[in-house]
Amino acid sequence: MSAWLAGAIVLLAVGLPAAGWIASRGSPVERLVGVEMGNVIVTLELILFSQAVGQSSYLIVPLVLAVVSFAGTLVYARLLAPRS
């Protein structure tokens, strides 16, 4: 087992449940922060997995996920904004 794969396993075991817990509790803004935290953790997880298996072509997926998750966060923030 490489250090990259060990890091991916630790991040998956510790970070993702924490993000899920934050995303399921609190106000809508706090839940949005939990979802964004989950997006960051999944993106880092995919990058670590790509490094662990030695395939640089696998980096396309986390790159696209980072862009799409940012756009999704902007949409959610717009929906959470108070109506005037």
N, C-alpha and C. Protein backbone atom coordinates (compact mmCIF):
# COMPACT_ATOMS: atom_id res chain seq x y z
N MET A 1 0.84 -1.16 0.00
CA MET A 1 0.00 0.00 0.00
C MET A 1 0.89 1.24 0.00
N SER A 2 0.61 2.14 -0.91
CA SER A 2 1.41 3.36 -1.01
C SER A 2 0.91 4.40 -0.02
N ALA A 3 1.72 5.43 0.16
CA ALA A 3 1.33 6.52 1.05
C ALA A 3 0.13 7.28 0.50
N TRP A 4 0.04 7.36 -0.83
CA TRP A 4 -1.11 8.04 -1.46
C TRP A 4 -2.41 7.31 -1.14
N LEU A 5 -2.37 6.00 -1.25
CA LEU A 5 -3.57 5.21 -0.99
C LEU A 5 -3.94 5.25 0.50
N ALA A 6 -2.94 5.22 1.37
CA ALA A 6 -3.22 5.32 2.81
C ALA A 6 -3.84 6.68 3.14
N GLY A 7 -3.35 7.73 2.53
CA GLY A 7 -3.93 9.06 2.74
C GLY A 7 -5.36 9.13 2.24
N ALA A 8 -5.63 8.48 1.11
CA ALA A 8 -6.98 8.47 0.57
C ALA A 8 -7.94 7.73 1.50
N ILE A 9 -7.48 6.63 2.07
CA ILE A 9 -8.33 5.85 2.97
C ILE A 9 -8.61 6.64 4.24
N VAL A 10 -7.60 7.30 4.79
CA VAL A 10 -7.80 8.10 6.01
C VAL A 10 -8.75 9.26 5.74
N LEU A 11 -8.56 9.93 4.62
CA LEU A 11 -9.43 11.05 4.26
C LEU A 11 -10.87 10.59 4.08
N LEU A 12 -11.04 9.45 3.47
CA LEU A 12 -12.38 8.90 3.26
C LEU A 12 -13.02 8.49 4.57
N ALA A 13 -12.25 7.89 5.47
CA ALA A 13 -12.80 7.39 6.73
C ALA A 13 -13.10 8.51 7.73
N VAL A 14 -12.34 9.59 7.68
CA VAL A 14 -12.51 10.66 8.68
C VAL A 14 -13.28 11.85 8.10
N GLY A 15 -12.90 12.29 6.93
CA GLY A 15 -13.46 13.53 6.39
C GLY A 15 -14.87 13.43 5.87
N LEU A 16 -15.18 12.38 5.16
CA LEU A 16 -16.50 12.28 4.55
C LEU A 16 -17.62 12.11 5.57
N PRO A 17 -17.46 11.28 6.62
CA PRO A 17 -18.51 11.24 7.64
C PRO A 17 -18.70 12.58 8.36
N ALA A 18 -17.61 13.30 8.58
CA ALA A 18 -17.72 14.62 9.21
C ALA A 18 -18.51 15.58 8.32
N ALA A 19 -18.23 15.55 7.04
CA ALA A 19 -18.96 16.42 6.11
C ALA A 19 -20.43 16.02 6.03
N GLY A 20 -20.70 14.73 6.06
CA GLY A 20 -22.10 14.26 6.04
C GLY A 20 -22.85 14.67 7.29
N TRP A 21 -22.16 14.64 8.43
CA TRP A 21 -22.80 15.04 9.67
C TRP A 21 -23.12 16.54 9.64
N ILE A 22 -22.20 17.35 9.16
CA ILE A 22 -22.44 18.79 9.08
C ILE A 22 -23.54 19.09 8.08
N ALA A 23 -23.58 18.34 6.97
CA ALA A 23 -24.58 18.59 5.94
C ALA A 23 -25.99 18.17 6.36
N SER A 24 -26.09 17.36 7.39
CA SER A 24 -27.42 16.90 7.80
C SER A 24 -27.95 17.62 9.04
N ARG A 25 -27.20 18.56 9.59
CA ARG A 25 -27.61 19.25 10.81
C ARG A 25 -27.56 20.76 10.61
N GLY A 26 -28.36 21.49 11.38
CA GLY A 26 -28.24 22.93 11.43
C GLY A 26 -29.10 23.67 10.42
N SER A 27 -28.76 24.93 10.25
CA SER A 27 -29.50 25.80 9.34
C SER A 27 -29.14 25.48 7.89
N PRO A 28 -29.92 26.00 6.95
CA PRO A 28 -29.60 25.75 5.54
C PRO A 28 -28.20 26.20 5.13
N VAL A 29 -27.73 27.30 5.69
CA VAL A 29 -26.39 27.78 5.35
C VAL A 29 -25.33 26.81 5.88
N GLU A 30 -25.52 26.30 7.09
CA GLU A 30 -24.58 25.33 7.66
C GLU A 30 -24.60 24.03 6.86
N ARG A 31 -25.76 23.63 6.39
CA ARG A 31 -25.83 22.43 5.55
C ARG A 31 -25.13 22.64 4.23
N LEU A 32 -25.23 23.84 3.67
CA LEU A 32 -24.52 24.16 2.44
C LEU A 32 -23.01 24.08 2.65
N VAL A 33 -22.54 24.53 3.79
CA VAL A 33 -21.12 24.43 4.10
C VAL A 33 -20.71 22.95 4.18
N GLY A 34 -21.56 22.11 4.76
CA GLY A 34 -21.26 20.68 4.82
C GLY A 34 -21.20 20.03 3.45
N VAL A 35 -22.10 20.43 2.57
CA VAL A 35 -22.09 19.89 1.20
C VAL A 35 -20.83 20.34 0.47
N GLU A 36 -20.45 21.59 0.64
CA GLU A 36 -19.23 22.09 -0.01
C GLU A 36 -18.00 21.39 0.55
N MET A 37 -18.00 21.14 1.85
CA MET A 37 -16.90 20.39 2.46
C MET A 37 -16.82 18.99 1.88
N GLY A 38 -17.97 18.36 1.67
CA GLY A 38 -18.00 17.04 1.04
C GLY A 38 -17.47 17.07 -0.38
N ASN A 39 -17.80 18.12 -1.11
CA ASN A 39 -17.29 18.26 -2.48
C ASN A 39 -15.76 18.37 -2.49
N VAL A 40 -15.22 19.14 -1.57
CA VAL A 40 -13.77 19.30 -1.49
C VAL A 40 -13.10 17.97 -1.13
N ILE A 41 -13.69 17.25 -0.18
CA ILE A 41 -13.12 15.97 0.25
C ILE A 41 -13.15 14.95 -0.88
N VAL A 42 -14.26 14.88 -1.60
CA VAL A 42 -14.35 13.93 -2.71
C VAL A 42 -13.36 14.30 -3.82
N THR A 43 -13.19 15.58 -4.10
CA THR A 43 -12.22 16.01 -5.10
C THR A 43 -10.80 15.61 -4.68
N LEU A 44 -10.45 15.88 -3.42
CA LEU A 44 -9.13 15.47 -2.93
C LEU A 44 -8.97 13.95 -2.94
N GLU A 45 -10.04 13.25 -2.63
CA GLU A 45 -10.00 11.78 -2.64
C GLU A 45 -9.68 11.26 -4.05
N LEU A 46 -10.31 11.84 -5.05
CA LEU A 46 -10.06 11.42 -6.42
C LEU A 46 -8.64 11.76 -6.87
N ILE A 47 -8.13 12.90 -6.43
CA ILE A 47 -6.74 13.26 -6.76
C ILE A 47 -5.77 12.28 -6.12
N LEU A 48 -6.00 11.95 -4.85
CA LEU A 48 -5.13 10.99 -4.16
C LEU A 48 -5.19 9.61 -4.82
N PHE A 49 -6.38 9.19 -5.23
CA PHE A 49 -6.51 7.90 -5.91
C PHE A 49 -5.76 7.91 -7.23
N SER A 50 -5.84 9.01 -7.96
CA SER A 50 -5.12 9.11 -9.23
C SER A 50 -3.61 8.99 -9.01
N GLN A 51 -3.12 9.61 -7.97
CA GLN A 51 -1.69 9.51 -7.67
C GLN A 51 -1.32 8.10 -7.20
N ALA A 52 -2.22 7.46 -6.46
CA ALA A 52 -1.94 6.12 -5.93
C ALA A 52 -1.82 5.09 -7.05
N VAL A 53 -2.66 5.19 -8.07
CA VAL A 53 -2.60 4.21 -9.16
C VAL A 53 -1.66 4.63 -10.27
N GLY A 54 -1.19 5.87 -10.23
CA GLY A 54 -0.21 6.32 -11.22
C GLY A 54 -0.78 6.63 -12.59
N GLN A 55 -2.05 6.96 -12.66
CA GLN A 55 -2.69 7.30 -13.93
C GLN A 55 -3.05 8.79 -13.93
N SER A 56 -2.30 9.57 -14.66
CA SER A 56 -2.58 11.01 -14.69
C SER A 56 -3.87 11.32 -15.45
N SER A 57 -4.35 10.40 -16.28
CA SER A 57 -5.60 10.65 -17.00
C SER A 57 -6.80 10.66 -16.06
N TYR A 58 -6.65 10.08 -14.87
CA TYR A 58 -7.74 10.10 -13.89
C TYR A 58 -7.93 11.48 -13.26
N LEU A 59 -7.03 12.42 -13.51
CA LEU A 59 -7.16 13.76 -12.94
C LEU A 59 -8.22 14.61 -13.62
N ILE A 60 -8.75 14.13 -14.74
CA ILE A 60 -9.80 14.87 -15.45
C ILE A 60 -11.06 14.94 -14.60
N VAL A 61 -11.41 13.84 -13.95
CA VAL A 61 -12.65 13.79 -13.18
C VAL A 61 -12.63 14.77 -12.01
N PRO A 62 -11.58 14.81 -11.17
CA PRO A 62 -11.62 15.81 -10.09
C PRO A 62 -11.57 17.25 -10.58
N LEU A 63 -10.93 17.48 -11.72
CA LEU A 63 -10.91 18.83 -12.28
C LEU A 63 -12.32 19.27 -12.67
N VAL A 64 -13.05 18.40 -13.34
CA VAL A 64 -14.43 18.71 -13.73
C VAL A 64 -15.32 18.84 -12.48
N LEU A 65 -15.12 17.96 -11.51
CA LEU A 65 -15.91 18.01 -10.28
C LEU A 65 -15.69 19.32 -9.54
N ALA A 66 -14.48 19.82 -9.50
CA ALA A 66 -14.21 21.09 -8.82
C ALA A 66 -14.97 22.24 -9.47
N VAL A 67 -14.99 22.27 -10.78
CA VAL A 67 -15.69 23.34 -11.50
C VAL A 67 -17.20 23.22 -11.32
N VAL A 68 -17.72 22.01 -11.47
CA VAL A 68 -19.17 21.80 -11.38
C VAL A 68 -19.66 22.02 -9.95
N SER A 69 -18.90 21.59 -8.96
CA SER A 69 -19.35 21.78 -7.58
C SER A 69 -19.36 23.25 -7.20
N PHE A 70 -18.41 24.01 -7.73
CA PHE A 70 -18.41 25.46 -7.47
C PHE A 70 -19.65 26.10 -8.07
N ALA A 71 -20.00 25.72 -9.30
CA ALA A 71 -21.20 26.27 -9.93
C ALA A 71 -22.45 25.85 -9.17
N GLY A 72 -22.49 24.62 -8.69
CA GLY A 72 -23.63 24.16 -7.91
C GLY A 72 -23.77 24.91 -6.60
N THR A 73 -22.66 25.24 -5.97
CA THR A 73 -22.70 26.01 -4.74
C THR A 73 -23.26 27.41 -4.99
N LEU A 74 -22.89 28.00 -6.10
CA LEU A 74 -23.43 29.31 -6.43
C LEU A 74 -24.95 29.25 -6.64
N VAL A 75 -25.43 28.19 -7.26
CA VAL A 75 -26.88 28.03 -7.46
C VAL A 75 -27.59 27.87 -6.12
N TYR A 76 -27.06 27.02 -5.24
CA TYR A 76 -27.67 26.84 -3.93
C TYR A 76 -27.66 28.14 -3.13
N ALA A 77 -26.57 28.88 -3.19
CA ALA A 77 -26.50 30.15 -2.46
C ALA A 77 -27.53 31.13 -3.00
N ARG A 78 -27.75 31.10 -4.29
CA ARG A 78 -28.78 31.97 -4.88
C ARG A 78 -30.17 31.57 -4.41
N LEU A 79 -30.43 30.27 -4.30
CA LEU A 79 -31.72 29.81 -3.83
C LEU A 79 -31.93 30.09 -2.35
N LEU A 80 -30.86 30.14 -1.56
CA LEU A 80 -30.98 30.41 -0.13
C LEU A 80 -31.10 31.89 0.19
N ALA A 81 -30.82 32.73 -0.79
CA ALA A 81 -30.87 34.19 -0.56
C ALA A 81 -32.31 34.61 -0.28
N PRO A 82 -32.49 35.57 0.62
CA PRO A 82 -33.86 36.03 0.90
C PRO A 82 -34.46 36.72 -0.32
N ARG A 83 -35.71 36.49 -0.51
CA ARG A 83 -36.42 37.11 -1.64
C ARG A 83 -36.78 38.54 -1.27
N SER A 84 -36.66 39.42 -2.25
CA SER A 84 -37.02 40.82 -1.96
C SER A 84 -38.20 41.29 -2.77
